[in-house]
C-alpha cells in the first residue's frame, strides 16, 4: 500500500514537472514558431541568462542576436533533445514580477520541434527545460538561504553587542555601587570626625575662655 501511494506521488510530481513546461507558437527572429517555455520563480532575467549560458556551455558556443534579443546555437548536438542529430536552437528570456520566463525554439533542419510533428524531440525538450528549471530553482533557493544565513549572522552580531552592553552596564552598576559604598563609609567616618572635631572645638573654647579670664584678672589682684 505504501509503495502504491509513493508511486502515485512520484507520478504526480513528474506530471507537475512536465506541466511546468508550456508549448505554443511564439514570435522570434524567424517568425512565429513552436516554443517550449518555462517560468522560474525568484530568478530575474540576469540570473536566468547567466545560468542558461552555463547550462548550454557543454554543448557549444552560445551566440547573441542583440536585435532580436535572442541567444542561439547553430549545429549543436544535444542528446537529451535530438540524440546524435544536429539542431539549431534559439532562446529568449523575458522578465516578470519576481520571476523570469525562458522560451526555447528548436530547429531540426526540416522544421521546428513540436509535440505534433516530432513528439520524441518535444519530450526531450521538456526534459531539458525541466532539468534546467530544477537546477536554477536550487540556485535561487541557495541564494535565499545565503541571504537568510547572512541575516542570522547579523542578528547574532547584534545579540552579541547587546549582551556585551548588558555586561558593561552591570559593571557600571557594580562600580556605582562600590562608589556608593565608599561614599557611605566616608559619610560615617565624616560624622565621627565631626564629633571629634566638635569635642576639640569645645575643649579649645574652654581654654580660650580660661585664658581670657586670666587676662581680665591681671591687675585686679589685692
Foldseek 3Di string as FASTA:
>chain_A
DVVVVVVVVVVVVVVVLLVQWDWDFDQFPVGTAIKIKGKAAQDFQVLLVVLVQVLCVVFHHWDADVVRQKIKDFQTDDCLQPNRATWIKIWHWAGDDRMIMIIMWIGRPPGIDDCVPHVSNVVSVSVSVSVSSVVSNVVSVVVVVVVVVVVVVVVVVVVVVVVVVVVVVVVVVVVVVVVVVVVVVVVVVVVVVVVVVVVVVVVVVVVVVVVVVVVVCPPVDD
